[in-house]
Each structure stands twice: as C-alpha cells, then as structure tokens.
Amino acid sequence: MAEKWTVQNTRQRQISGTPAWEITLTRGDGKPHVHTMPTTALEWRAAEYGIDPTDTDALIEILLHEPFMELAEDEDGQQPKWADGSIDLLTAENTTIAREAHLDRVKNSRVRIDVRDAAGLAPIRATHQPDPDRIRAMREAVDTTRWLTKYGDLPARPLDPLEARRA
C-alpha cells in the first residue's frame, strides 16, 4: 500500500538564476518534505510524453511521483533503469508507449500524492503558461535523442549551412 502524502503549499523561487517551484508536502508520518523543480519541468514532461501542456495537474502528478519510482542499476552498475523492468523514454518505440509505461510507474509509486484539486498547487495552476514553440523544440530534441539511442546516428546528416546555400 502506498504511503499517502499531501500538498501543503507552493512558492516560486530562483535557484542559481533558474525559476523553480518549491512544493511543501506532508509525509504520512506528519513530517514536512520539500520538492523543488524548475518551472520548465512541466513543459519538458509535456514534450517528452505527449501530454497536453495545459493539463497542469497531470504534469505535476508525474513530477511529484518521479522521485519515488524504484530504480535498479544495469549489469555494469552504471546506468539506472526502472526496477519494474519496463521501457523508458529513450528505449520506447514511440511516445505513446513511453507515456503509458511512465503513467503506470506513477500509479505504482510507493508514495501517493493527491494532486487534483490540491489548493496548495494554485500558484502553479495560476501562472503556468506553456510555450508551444519551446515545447515543439523540446519534443524534437527528445525524438532526436530517442532516434540516436536506437540507431546510433541520424538517417542523413544535416547539410552544412554553406553547402545548403550552394545546393
């Protein structure tokens, strides 16, 4: 059974010049816990997993549960992998499969944090304004990295800018 944690409040901070959210949670034993994440994390999860970038609660739910997803090291003890043995973002065949696997990990997290209607998250909901162009660029970066992970190189190297003008 997952331990239930609750959201208390959220405040915006600057950490080394990076805008961030600091979310205070109360653990099952009543002790406080602080979760800090860059404000762009919401856009990254939307881009990585093909989630509606305006579904703030879905994005926060993923981000708050990720630290509690069990990891295991690979055979060389180098690269952590999901302990449940499921695929990850870069090894998934496509974004839909990656999203489904990641949402299953959220559901099976050892901690349960109710995000929907949590009043303490109001500052994020009120100020989150996803930038479609930035999310598109993030999505392209993820897709390119997935391709490179699977195949080692791009199907065709980009043209040198000087060569492109001559062509």
C-alpha atoms as a PDB file:
ATOM      1  CA  MET A   1       0.000   0.000   0.000  1.00  0.00           C
ATOM      2  CA  ALA A   2       1.359   3.390  -0.978  1.00  0.00           C
ATOM      3  CA  GLU A   3       2.082   5.932   1.738  1.00  0.00           C
ATOM      4  CA  LYS A   4      -0.221   8.961   1.379  1.00  0.00           C
ATOM      5  CA  TRP A   5       1.362  12.417   1.272  1.00  0.00           C
ATOM      6  CA  THR A   6      -0.490  15.722   0.965  1.00  0.00           C
ATOM      7  CA  VAL A   7       0.341  19.020  -0.700  1.00  0.00           C
ATOM      8  CA  GLN A   8       0.563  21.957   1.702  1.00  0.00           C
ATOM      9  CA  ASN A   9       1.758  24.931  -0.341  1.00  0.00           C
ATOM     10  CA  THR A  10       3.837  26.082  -3.277  1.00  0.00           C
ATOM     11  CA  ARG A  11       6.083  29.063  -3.785  1.00  0.00           C
ATOM     12  CA  GLN A  12       8.167  30.251  -6.685  1.00  0.00           C
ATOM     13  CA  ARG A  13      11.929  30.590  -6.165  1.00  0.00           C
ATOM     14  CA  GLN A  14      15.087  31.380  -8.088  1.00  0.00           C
ATOM     15  CA  ILE A  15      17.803  28.767  -7.693  1.00  0.00           C
ATOM     16  CA  SER A  16      21.104  29.812  -9.267  1.00  0.00           C
ATOM     17  CA  GLY A  17      19.149  32.018 -11.641  1.00  0.00           C
ATOM     18  CA  THR A  18      16.696  29.264 -12.615  1.00  0.00           C
ATOM     19  CA  PRO A  19      12.991  29.841 -11.892  1.00  0.00           C
ATOM     20  CA  ALA A  20      11.728  26.949  -9.791  1.00  0.00           C
ATOM     21  CA  TRP A  21       8.725  25.701  -7.859  1.00  0.00           C
ATOM     22  CA  GLU A  22       9.152  24.716  -4.215  1.00  0.00           C
ATOM     23  CA  ILE A  23       6.295  22.462  -3.144  1.00  0.00           C
ATOM     24  CA  THR A  24       5.921  21.626   0.536  1.00  0.00           C
ATOM     25  CA  LEU A  25       4.348  18.228   1.199  1.00  0.00           C
ATOM     26  CA  THR A  26       3.368  16.490   4.402  1.00  0.00           C
ATOM     27  CA  ARG A  27       4.527  12.881   4.598  1.00  0.00           C
ATOM     28  CA  GLY A  28       2.405  10.081   6.001  1.00  0.00           C
ATOM     29  CA  ASP A  29       4.203  10.394   9.343  1.00  0.00           C
ATOM     30  CA  GLY A  30       3.384  14.119   9.523  1.00  0.00           C
ATOM     31  CA  LYS A  31       6.894  15.352   8.738  1.00  0.00           C
ATOM     32  CA  PRO A  32       7.372  18.010   6.061  1.00  0.00           C
ATOM     33  CA  HIS A  33       9.106  17.292   2.760  1.00  0.00           C
ATOM     34  CA  VAL A  34      10.098  19.860   0.138  1.00  0.00           C
ATOM     35  CA  HIS A  35      10.110  19.044  -3.573  1.00  0.00           C
ATOM     36  CA  THR A  36      11.850  21.576  -5.818  1.00  0.00           C
ATOM     37  CA  MET A  37      11.742  21.570  -9.606  1.00  0.00           C
ATOM     38  CA  PRO A  38      12.467  24.032 -12.399  1.00  0.00           C
ATOM     39  CA  THR A  39       9.345  25.689 -13.760  1.00  0.00           C
ATOM     40  CA  THR A  40      10.225  24.329 -17.238  1.00  0.00           C
ATOM     41  CA  ALA A  41       9.851  20.764 -15.934  1.00  0.00           C
ATOM     42  CA  LEU A  42       6.138  20.884 -16.748  1.00  0.00           C
ATOM     43  CA  GLU A  43       6.872  21.715 -20.385  1.00  0.00           C
ATOM     44  CA  TRP A  44       9.557  19.024 -20.545  1.00  0.00           C
ATOM     45  CA  ARG A  45       7.158  16.295 -19.344  1.00  0.00           C
ATOM     46  CA  ALA A  46       4.532  17.507 -21.807  1.00  0.00           C
ATOM     47  CA  ALA A  47       7.107  17.312 -24.615  1.00  0.00           C
ATOM     48  CA  GLU A  48       8.629  14.002 -23.535  1.00  0.00           C
ATOM     49  CA  TYR A  49       5.402  12.089 -23.025  1.00  0.00           C
ATOM     50  CA  GLY A  50       2.979  13.817 -25.393  1.00  0.00           C
ATOM     51  CA  ILE A  51       0.781  15.140 -22.595  1.00  0.00           C
ATOM     52  CA  ASP A  52      -1.482  18.150 -23.071  1.00  0.00           C
ATOM     53  CA  PRO A  53       0.744  21.002 -21.825  1.00  0.00           C
ATOM     54  CA  THR A  54      -2.302  22.756 -20.332  1.00  0.00           C
ATOM     55  CA  ASP A  55      -3.146  19.717 -18.142  1.00  0.00           C
ATOM     56  CA  THR A  56      -1.157  21.131 -15.266  1.00  0.00           C
ATOM     57  CA  ASP A  57      -2.399  18.596 -12.713  1.00  0.00           C
ATOM     58  CA  ALA A  58      -1.345  15.616 -14.855  1.00  0.00           C
ATOM     59  CA  LEU A  59       2.119  17.101 -15.316  1.00  0.00           C
ATOM     60  CA  ILE A  60       2.533  17.922 -11.614  1.00  0.00           C
ATOM     61  CA  GLU A  61       1.350  14.452 -10.659  1.00  0.00           C
ATOM     62  CA  ILE A  62       4.105  12.887 -12.766  1.00  0.00           C
ATOM     63  CA  LEU A  63       6.788  15.232 -11.461  1.00  0.00           C
ATOM     64  CA  LEU A  64       5.870  14.761  -7.797  1.00  0.00           C
ATOM     65  CA  HIS A  65       5.854  10.960  -8.088  1.00  0.00           C
ATOM     66  CA  GLU A  66       9.067  10.523 -10.096  1.00  0.00           C
ATOM     67  CA  PRO A  67      11.392  10.610  -7.056  1.00  0.00           C
ATOM     68  CA  PHE A  68       9.507   7.628  -5.630  1.00  0.00           C
ATOM     69  CA  MET A  69       9.744   5.395  -8.694  1.00  0.00           C
ATOM     70  CA  GLU A  70      12.076   2.499  -7.956  1.00  0.00           C
ATOM     71  CA  LEU A  71      15.343   2.336  -9.908  1.00  0.00           C
ATOM     72  CA  ALA A  72      17.790  -0.503 -10.452  1.00  0.00           C
ATOM     73  CA  GLU A  73      21.270  -0.372 -11.957  1.00  0.00           C
ATOM     74  CA  ASP A  74      22.151  -2.187 -15.153  1.00  0.00           C
ATOM     75  CA  GLU A  75      24.568  -5.140 -15.282  1.00  0.00           C
ATOM     76  CA  ASP A  76      27.603  -2.822 -15.241  1.00  0.00           C
ATOM     77  CA  GLY A  77      26.244  -0.820 -12.312  1.00  0.00           C
ATOM     78  CA  GLN A  78      26.324   2.286 -14.480  1.00  0.00           C
ATOM     79  CA  GLN A  79      23.001   3.264 -15.982  1.00  0.00           C
ATOM     80  CA  PRO A  80      19.970   3.220 -13.695  1.00  0.00           C
ATOM     81  CA  LYS A  81      16.870   1.585 -15.145  1.00  0.00           C
ATOM     82  CA  TRP A  82      13.343   1.267 -13.856  1.00  0.00           C
ATOM     83  CA  ALA A  83      13.142  -1.502 -11.257  1.00  0.00           C
ATOM     84  CA  ASP A  84       9.894  -2.787 -12.766  1.00  0.00           C
ATOM     85  CA  GLY A  85      11.848  -3.670 -15.923  1.00  0.00           C
ATOM     86  CA  SER A  86       9.631  -1.540 -18.148  1.00  0.00           C
ATOM     87  CA  ILE A  87      10.837   0.570 -21.019  1.00  0.00           C
ATOM     88  CA  ASP A  88      11.980   4.124 -20.574  1.00  0.00           C
ATOM     89  CA  LEU A  89      11.572   7.310 -22.571  1.00  0.00           C
ATOM     90  CA  LEU A  90      14.520   6.657 -24.868  1.00  0.00           C
ATOM     91  CA  THR A  91      14.019   2.936 -25.474  1.00  0.00           C
ATOM     92  CA  ALA A  92      10.278   3.100 -26.121  1.00  0.00           C
ATOM     93  CA  GLU A  93       9.155   2.513 -29.676  1.00  0.00           C
ATOM     94  CA  ASN A  94       7.149   5.736 -29.582  1.00  0.00           C
ATOM     95  CA  THR A  95       5.844   8.456 -27.283  1.00  0.00           C
ATOM     96  CA  THR A  96       2.541   6.695 -26.583  1.00  0.00           C
ATOM     97  CA  ILE A  97       4.282   3.567 -25.291  1.00  0.00           C
ATOM     98  CA  ALA A  98       6.693   5.670 -23.214  1.00  0.00           C
ATOM     99  CA  ARG A  99       3.790   7.654 -21.708  1.00  0.00           C
ATOM    100  CA  GLU A 100       1.776   4.536 -20.808  1.00  0.00           C
ATOM    101  CA  ALA A 101       4.785   2.938 -19.102  1.00  0.00           C
ATOM    102  CA  HIS A 102       5.585   6.112 -17.170  1.00  0.00           C
ATOM    103  CA  LEU A 103       1.981   6.620 -16.041  1.00  0.00           C
ATOM    104  CA  ASP A 104       1.958   3.000 -14.811  1.00  0.00           C
ATOM    105  CA  ARG A 105       5.038   3.807 -12.717  1.00  0.00           C
ATOM    106  CA  VAL A 106       3.203   6.824 -11.259  1.00  0.00           C
ATOM    107  CA  LYS A 107       0.262   4.573 -10.304  1.00  0.00           C
ATOM    108  CA  ASN A 108       2.611   2.039  -8.692  1.00  0.00           C
ATOM    109  CA  SER A 109       4.721   4.578  -6.810  1.00  0.00           C
ATOM    110  CA  ARG A 110       5.444   3.782  -3.163  1.00  0.00           C
ATOM    111  CA  VAL A 111       4.081   7.255  -2.307  1.00  0.00           C
ATOM    112  CA  ARG A 112       0.648   8.576  -3.291  1.00  0.00           C
ATOM    113  CA  ILE A 113       0.193  12.334  -3.616  1.00  0.00           C
ATOM    114  CA  ASP A 114      -3.276  13.610  -4.489  1.00  0.00           C
ATOM    115  CA  VAL A 115      -2.755  16.475  -6.918  1.00  0.00           C
ATOM    116  CA  ARG A 116      -6.225  17.056  -8.362  1.00  0.00           C
ATOM    117  CA  ASP A 117      -7.919  19.914  -6.537  1.00  0.00           C
ATOM    118  CA  ALA A 118      -4.982  20.360  -4.108  1.00  0.00           C
ATOM    119  CA  ALA A 119      -5.299  24.021  -3.110  1.00  0.00           C
ATOM    120  CA  GLY A 120      -1.582  24.221  -2.340  1.00  0.00           C
ATOM    121  CA  LEU A 121      -0.793  23.940  -6.061  1.00  0.00           C
ATOM    122  CA  ALA A 122      -2.846  27.008  -7.016  1.00  0.00           C
ATOM    123  CA  PRO A 123       0.252  29.171  -7.715  1.00  0.00           C
ATOM    124  CA  ILE A 124       1.415  26.732 -10.402  1.00  0.00           C
ATOM    125  CA  ARG A 125      -2.022  26.450 -11.972  1.00  0.00           C
ATOM    126  CA  ALA A 126      -2.397  30.246 -11.998  1.00  0.00           C
ATOM    127  CA  THR A 127       0.944  31.009 -13.644  1.00  0.00           C
ATOM    128  CA  HIS A 128       1.780  28.011 -15.861  1.00  0.00           C
ATOM    129  CA  GLN A 129       1.653  29.280 -19.433  1.00  0.00           C
ATOM    130  CA  PRO A 130       3.139  26.681 -21.765  1.00  0.00           C
ATOM    131  CA  ASP A 131       5.025  27.989 -24.774  1.00  0.00           C
ATOM    132  CA  PRO A 132       4.080  25.895 -27.852  1.00  0.00           C
ATOM    133  CA  ASP A 133       7.269  26.770 -29.742  1.00  0.00           C
ATOM    134  CA  ARG A 134       9.507  25.810 -26.820  1.00  0.00           C
ATOM    135  CA  ILE A 135       7.578  22.558 -26.305  1.00  0.00           C
ATOM    136  CA  ARG A 136       7.903  21.749 -30.017  1.00  0.00           C
ATOM    137  CA  ALA A 137      11.688  22.250 -29.789  1.00  0.00           C
ATOM    138  CA  MET A 138      11.822  20.084 -26.664  1.00  0.00           C
ATOM    139  CA  ARG A 139       9.793  17.365 -28.406  1.00  0.00           C
ATOM    140  CA  GLU A 140      12.165  17.452 -31.393  1.00  0.00           C
ATOM    141  CA  ALA A 141      15.153  17.133 -29.052  1.00  0.00           C
ATOM    142  CA  VAL A 142      13.580  14.115 -27.327  1.00  0.00           C
ATOM    143  CA  ASP A 143      12.684  12.457 -30.646  1.00  0.00           C
ATOM    144  CA  THR A 144      16.200  13.043 -31.987  1.00  0.00           C
ATOM    145  CA  THR A 145      17.763  11.619 -28.826  1.00  0.00           C
ATOM    146  CA  ARG A 146      15.448   8.593 -28.982  1.00  0.00           C
ATOM    147  CA  TRP A 147      16.474   8.006 -32.620  1.00  0.00           C
ATOM    148  CA  LEU A 148      20.173   8.335 -31.791  1.00  0.00           C
ATOM    149  CA  THR A 149      19.791   5.953 -28.846  1.00  0.00           C
ATOM    150  CA  LYS A 150      18.091   3.340 -31.006  1.00  0.00           C
ATOM    151  CA  TYR A 151      20.085   3.695 -34.228  1.00  0.00           C
ATOM    152  CA  GLY A 152      23.335   5.433 -33.328  1.00  0.00           C
ATOM    153  CA  ASP A 153      23.071   8.179 -35.942  1.00  0.00           C
ATOM    154  CA  LEU A 154      20.589  10.213 -37.910  1.00  0.00           C
ATOM    155  CA  PRO A 155      19.355   8.724 -41.201  1.00  0.00           C
ATOM    156  CA  ALA A 156      21.045  11.581 -43.066  1.00  0.00           C
ATOM    157  CA  ARG A 157      23.473  14.112 -41.683  1.00  0.00           C
ATOM    158  CA  PRO A 158      22.253  17.717 -41.790  1.00  0.00           C
ATOM    159  CA  LEU A 159      23.774  19.790 -44.558  1.00  0.00           C
ATOM    160  CA  ASP A 160      26.474  22.259 -43.680  1.00  0.00           C
ATOM    161  CA  PRO A 161      24.839  25.734 -43.832  1.00  0.00           C
ATOM    162  CA  LEU A 162      27.274  26.787 -46.569  1.00  0.00           C
ATOM    163  CA  GLU A 163      26.541  23.654 -48.609  1.00  0.00           C
ATOM    164  CA  ALA A 164      22.798  24.193 -48.212  1.00  0.00           C
ATOM    165  CA  ARG A 165      23.056  27.666 -49.770  1.00  0.00           C
ATOM    166  CA  ARG A 166      25.020  26.310 -52.740  1.00  0.00           C
ATOM    167  CA  ALA A 167      22.558  23.495 -53.386  1.00  0.00           C
END
